Amino acid sequence: MDKHSVYETNSFYWDTQGNDFLGAIVLPFYGPFVSEEKCQLFGDVSGKKLLEIGCGNGHSLQYQAERKAAELWAVDISENQIEKALQHLAARGFSATLICSPMEEECGIPLNYFDYVYSIYAIGWTTDLDGTFRRIASYLKQDGVFIFSWSHPVHKCVAAEDERLVVRKSYFDDSWYSVPHVGGALTLSDRKLSTYVNALARAGLVIEQMVEESEDELMRARNDKSELAKKAEMIPVTFVIKARKL
């Protein structure tokens, strides 16, 4: 797997397609059927310094700004998404320091500075999970909190077919693969849950809480009859982890 090739492929998607193909997942939602309003992982962020990994269109930054965060930073691989986020925040009277860079690389983010680092459905794009988690730990103050969400690896292995769940790929297969879309392709890897947990431990981050249950209230409110909703009744489709730097 060539990292530079992955950067180019995925940044091209976000620059040209944006959220048209995958859709945008932003706070207060961590992913399908999981919300901060129910989980309350952040608590009070007023007066705190926050860094978002993979800010996309800036809506999650807006959410934190409205909750009175003192300082907002973010990094994203796409220049187009950075520009959209800046415009979105400015139109609402908010500001943030946004940096265009792969999350794996040194890009001028201050060390031992942030109360919170968070990532909403973006951390799985990294080509170097261990390196990314080490960087995130270095950005956090002592006792700082890292919160991230991503597609649950069990969900990626199972398909809903005729009211049944069918295993379609090995849970243990974490090889990189291409996802075609109009105008190009994406490159992704489905890592095991233990891969994330062990990488957090190696980075010196201690897990305080993990969420993988779908929220019944959200499912009822959406009256969703999709394959995803059917799966969410039986298996987790999103996971969220809250970890702390000791």
Protein backbone atom coordinates (compact mmCIF):
# COMPACT_ATOMS: atom_id res chain seq x y z
CA MET A 1 0.00 0.00 0.00
CA ASP A 2 1.54 3.28 -1.16
CA LYS A 3 0.57 6.08 1.24
CA HIS A 4 1.11 8.85 -1.29
CA SER A 5 -1.18 7.11 -3.76
CA VAL A 6 -3.88 6.76 -1.09
CA TYR A 7 -3.55 10.46 -0.18
CA GLU A 8 -3.96 11.47 -3.81
CA THR A 9 -6.92 9.15 -4.42
CA ASN A 10 -8.83 10.12 -1.30
CA SER A 11 -8.06 13.84 -1.34
CA PHE A 12 -9.20 13.95 -4.98
CA TYR A 13 -12.52 12.45 -3.93
CA TRP A 14 -13.06 14.99 -1.14
CA ASP A 15 -11.96 17.85 -3.39
CA THR A 16 -14.27 16.90 -6.26
CA GLN A 17 -17.18 14.87 -4.87
CA GLY A 18 -17.29 16.24 -1.32
CA ASN A 19 -20.10 14.59 0.60
CA ASP A 20 -22.16 13.72 -2.48
CA PHE A 21 -21.22 10.03 -2.54
CA LEU A 22 -20.81 9.14 1.13
CA GLY A 23 -22.88 11.84 2.79
CA ALA A 24 -21.79 13.90 5.79
CA ILE A 25 -21.81 12.65 9.36
CA VAL A 26 -21.42 15.55 11.78
CA LEU A 27 -22.05 16.30 15.43
CA PRO A 28 -24.31 15.88 17.29
CA PHE A 29 -24.29 12.54 15.42
CA TYR A 30 -21.33 10.15 15.69
CA GLY A 31 -22.65 7.96 12.91
CA PRO A 32 -25.87 6.19 11.97
CA PHE A 33 -28.17 6.00 15.02
CA VAL A 34 -25.61 7.24 17.62
CA SER A 35 -25.65 10.79 19.02
CA GLU A 36 -23.75 12.98 21.44
CA GLU A 37 -27.07 14.12 22.88
CA LYS A 38 -27.63 10.58 24.18
CA CYS A 39 -24.01 9.58 24.90
CA GLN A 40 -22.81 12.85 26.51
CA LEU A 41 -19.14 11.98 25.96
CA PHE A 42 -17.88 15.57 25.74
CA GLY A 43 -19.62 17.16 28.68
CA ASP A 44 -19.10 20.91 29.04
CA VAL A 45 -16.62 22.21 26.44
CA SER A 46 -17.05 25.90 27.28
CA GLY A 47 -13.67 27.58 27.60
CA LYS A 48 -11.86 24.52 26.20
CA LYS A 49 -9.44 24.14 23.29
CA LEU A 50 -10.57 21.58 20.70
CA LEU A 51 -8.94 20.01 17.65
CA GLU A 52 -10.93 18.11 15.02
CA ILE A 53 -9.28 15.46 12.85
CA GLY A 54 -11.00 15.46 9.45
CA CYS A 55 -13.25 18.50 9.75
CA GLY A 56 -14.97 18.15 6.37
CA ASN A 57 -17.56 20.88 5.81
CA GLY A 58 -17.17 22.45 9.26
CA HIS A 59 -20.56 21.55 10.74
CA SER A 60 -19.05 19.71 13.72
CA LEU A 61 -16.86 22.75 14.40
CA GLN A 62 -20.00 24.88 14.35
CA TYR A 63 -21.56 22.53 16.92
CA GLN A 64 -18.60 23.00 19.26
CA ALA A 65 -18.51 26.77 18.68
CA GLU A 66 -22.17 27.02 19.65
CA ARG A 67 -21.30 25.18 22.86
CA LYS A 68 -18.81 27.96 23.71
CA ALA A 69 -15.50 26.25 23.00
CA ALA A 70 -12.73 28.80 23.53
CA GLU A 71 -10.53 27.77 20.61
CA LEU A 72 -11.13 25.57 17.57
CA TRP A 73 -8.55 23.94 15.32
CA ALA A 74 -8.92 21.30 12.63
CA VAL A 75 -6.97 19.35 10.03
CA ASP A 76 -8.33 17.89 6.80
CA ILE A 77 -6.75 16.29 3.73
CA SER A 78 -8.90 18.27 1.29
CA GLU A 79 -8.33 21.92 0.35
CA ASN A 80 -11.89 22.06 -0.95
CA GLN A 81 -13.35 20.87 2.35
CA ILE A 82 -11.17 23.33 4.29
CA GLU A 83 -12.51 26.19 2.15
CA LYS A 84 -16.10 25.02 2.63
CA ALA A 85 -15.57 24.83 6.39
CA LEU A 86 -14.08 28.32 6.56
CA GLN A 87 -16.99 29.76 4.57
CA HIS A 88 -19.55 27.85 6.64
CA LEU A 89 -18.10 29.09 9.94
CA ALA A 90 -17.61 32.68 8.77
CA ALA A 91 -21.22 32.89 7.61
CA ARG A 92 -22.26 32.08 11.19
CA GLY A 93 -19.82 34.39 12.91
CA PHE A 94 -17.36 31.70 14.01
CA SER A 95 -13.70 31.13 13.27
CA ALA A 96 -11.19 28.30 13.52
CA THR A 97 -7.58 27.55 12.62
CA LEU A 98 -7.80 25.04 9.76
CA ILE A 99 -4.84 23.16 8.29
CA CYS A 100 -4.81 21.17 5.05
CA SER A 101 -2.71 18.06 5.66
CA PRO A 102 -2.94 14.29 6.01
CA MET A 103 -3.64 13.48 9.64
CA GLU A 104 -0.57 11.22 9.74
CA GLU A 105 1.92 14.03 9.08
CA GLU A 106 3.47 16.82 11.12
CA CYS A 107 1.65 20.01 10.15
CA GLY A 108 2.31 22.63 12.80
CA ILE A 109 -0.37 21.68 15.31
CA PRO A 110 0.79 22.71 18.82
CA LEU A 111 1.80 19.98 21.28
CA ASN A 112 0.36 19.41 24.75
CA TYR A 113 -2.18 22.10 23.97
CA PHE A 114 -5.71 20.73 23.56
CA ASP A 115 -8.33 19.69 26.08
CA TYR A 116 -10.10 17.61 23.45
CA VAL A 117 -9.17 16.03 20.14
CA TYR A 118 -12.07 14.47 18.28
CA SER A 119 -12.83 12.85 14.93
CA ILE A 120 -16.27 12.10 13.52
CA TYR A 121 -16.16 9.28 10.96
CA ALA A 122 -12.72 10.32 9.71
CA ILE A 123 -10.07 8.41 11.66
CA GLY A 124 -10.53 5.28 9.53
CA TRP A 125 -9.09 7.12 6.52
CA THR A 126 -5.60 7.15 8.06
CA THR A 127 -2.88 5.09 6.38
CA ASP A 128 -0.93 4.91 9.66
CA LEU A 129 -3.16 4.29 12.67
CA ASP A 130 -0.33 3.98 15.20
CA GLY A 131 1.35 7.15 13.95
CA THR A 132 -1.92 9.08 13.92
CA PHE A 133 -2.80 8.07 17.48
CA ARG A 134 0.70 9.00 18.68
CA ARG A 135 0.31 12.43 17.10
CA ILE A 136 -3.11 12.88 18.67
CA ALA A 137 -1.70 11.95 22.09
CA SER A 138 1.06 14.53 21.60
CA TYR A 139 -1.49 17.27 20.84
CA LEU A 140 -3.43 16.62 24.05
CA LYS A 141 -2.69 18.13 27.42
CA GLN A 142 -2.20 15.72 30.28
CA ASP A 143 -5.66 14.39 31.20
CA GLY A 144 -6.94 15.52 27.78
CA VAL A 145 -9.64 13.53 26.01
CA PHE A 146 -9.73 11.90 22.56
CA ILE A 147 -13.15 10.96 21.13
CA PHE A 148 -13.60 9.33 17.75
CA SER A 149 -16.20 7.40 15.79
CA TRP A 150 -16.07 5.14 12.77
CA SER A 151 -18.01 2.45 10.98
CA HIS A 152 -18.14 -0.69 13.15
CA PRO A 153 -16.00 -3.43 11.56
CA VAL A 154 -18.67 -6.07 12.18
CA HIS A 155 -21.12 -4.00 10.14
CA LYS A 156 -18.72 -3.98 7.18
CA CYS A 157 -18.60 -7.79 7.17
CA VAL A 158 -22.34 -8.46 7.14
CA ALA A 159 -25.14 -7.81 4.66
CA ALA A 160 -28.91 -7.92 5.22
CA GLU A 161 -30.58 -10.30 2.75
CA ASP A 162 -34.21 -11.42 2.92
CA GLU A 163 -34.58 -10.70 6.64
CA ARG A 164 -31.31 -12.50 7.35
CA LEU A 165 -27.78 -11.34 8.08
CA VAL A 166 -25.20 -12.91 5.80
CA VAL A 167 -21.44 -12.78 6.38
CA ARG A 168 -19.90 -11.46 3.16
CA LYS A 169 -16.23 -11.01 4.12
CA SER A 170 -13.79 -12.03 6.81
CA TYR A 171 -13.71 -9.84 9.92
CA PHE A 172 -9.95 -10.43 10.02
CA ASP A 173 -9.32 -9.13 6.49
CA ASP A 174 -7.92 -5.61 6.92
CA SER A 175 -6.36 -5.30 3.48
CA TRP A 176 -6.83 -2.06 1.55
CA TYR A 177 -9.50 -2.03 -1.15
CA SER A 178 -10.95 0.33 -3.74
CA VAL A 179 -14.49 1.73 -3.60
CA PRO A 180 -15.58 3.04 -7.03
CA HIS A 181 -17.69 6.16 -7.37
CA VAL A 182 -18.63 8.57 -10.13
CA GLY A 183 -15.40 10.20 -11.26
CA GLY A 184 -12.95 7.91 -9.50
CA ALA A 185 -12.45 5.68 -6.47
CA LEU A 186 -11.73 5.69 -2.75
CA THR A 187 -9.16 3.58 -0.93
CA LEU A 188 -10.10 2.17 2.48
CA SER A 189 -9.26 -0.54 4.99
CA ASP A 190 -11.63 -2.26 7.45
CA ARG A 191 -9.57 -2.60 10.62
CA LYS A 192 -10.56 -4.90 13.47
CA LEU A 193 -11.83 -3.30 16.66
CA SER A 194 -8.83 -4.71 18.51
CA THR A 195 -6.56 -2.86 16.06
CA TYR A 196 -7.98 0.46 17.26
CA VAL A 197 -7.90 -0.55 20.93
CA ASN A 198 -4.29 -1.74 20.82
CA ALA A 199 -3.12 1.31 18.86
CA LEU A 200 -4.69 3.57 21.52
CA ALA A 201 -2.84 1.66 24.23
CA ARG A 202 0.49 1.95 22.40
CA ALA A 203 -0.07 5.71 22.12
CA GLY A 204 -0.57 6.03 25.89
CA LEU A 205 -4.31 6.64 25.68
CA VAL A 206 -6.59 4.85 28.14
CA ILE A 207 -10.12 3.96 27.06
CA GLU A 208 -12.80 5.30 29.40
CA GLN A 209 -15.92 4.47 27.43
CA MET A 210 -17.00 2.70 24.26
CA VAL A 211 -20.40 2.97 22.58
CA GLU A 212 -21.67 0.54 19.94
CA GLU A 213 -25.42 0.36 20.57
CA SER A 214 -27.81 1.96 18.09
CA GLU A 215 -30.28 4.38 19.68
CA ASP A 216 -33.87 3.18 19.43
CA GLU A 217 -35.17 6.75 19.55
CA LEU A 218 -33.21 7.75 16.45
CA MET A 219 -34.30 4.68 14.56
CA ARG A 220 -37.96 5.27 15.39
CA ALA A 221 -37.74 8.98 14.59
CA ARG A 222 -36.35 8.28 11.13
CA ASN A 223 -38.77 5.42 10.45
CA ASP A 224 -35.92 4.01 8.43
CA LYS A 225 -36.60 0.83 6.42
CA SER A 226 -33.18 0.66 4.77
CA GLU A 227 -30.76 -2.26 4.85
CA LEU A 228 -28.61 -0.25 7.28
CA ALA A 229 -31.50 0.20 9.70
CA LYS A 230 -32.35 -3.50 9.55
CA LYS A 231 -28.75 -4.34 10.38
CA ALA A 232 -28.64 -1.76 13.20
CA GLU A 233 -31.43 -3.62 15.00
CA MET A 234 -29.19 -6.67 15.34
CA ILE A 235 -25.54 -5.62 15.11
CA PRO A 236 -23.56 -2.42 15.74
CA VAL A 237 -23.05 -0.20 12.70
CA THR A 238 -21.09 2.57 14.45
CA PHE A 239 -18.61 2.57 17.31
CA VAL A 240 -17.42 5.51 19.40
CA ILE A 241 -14.45 5.48 21.78
CA LYS A 242 -13.56 8.00 24.46
CA ALA A 243 -9.96 7.78 25.69
CA ARG A 244 -7.83 9.90 27.99
CA LYS A 245 -4.16 10.88 28.06
CA LEU A 246 -2.76 10.11 31.49
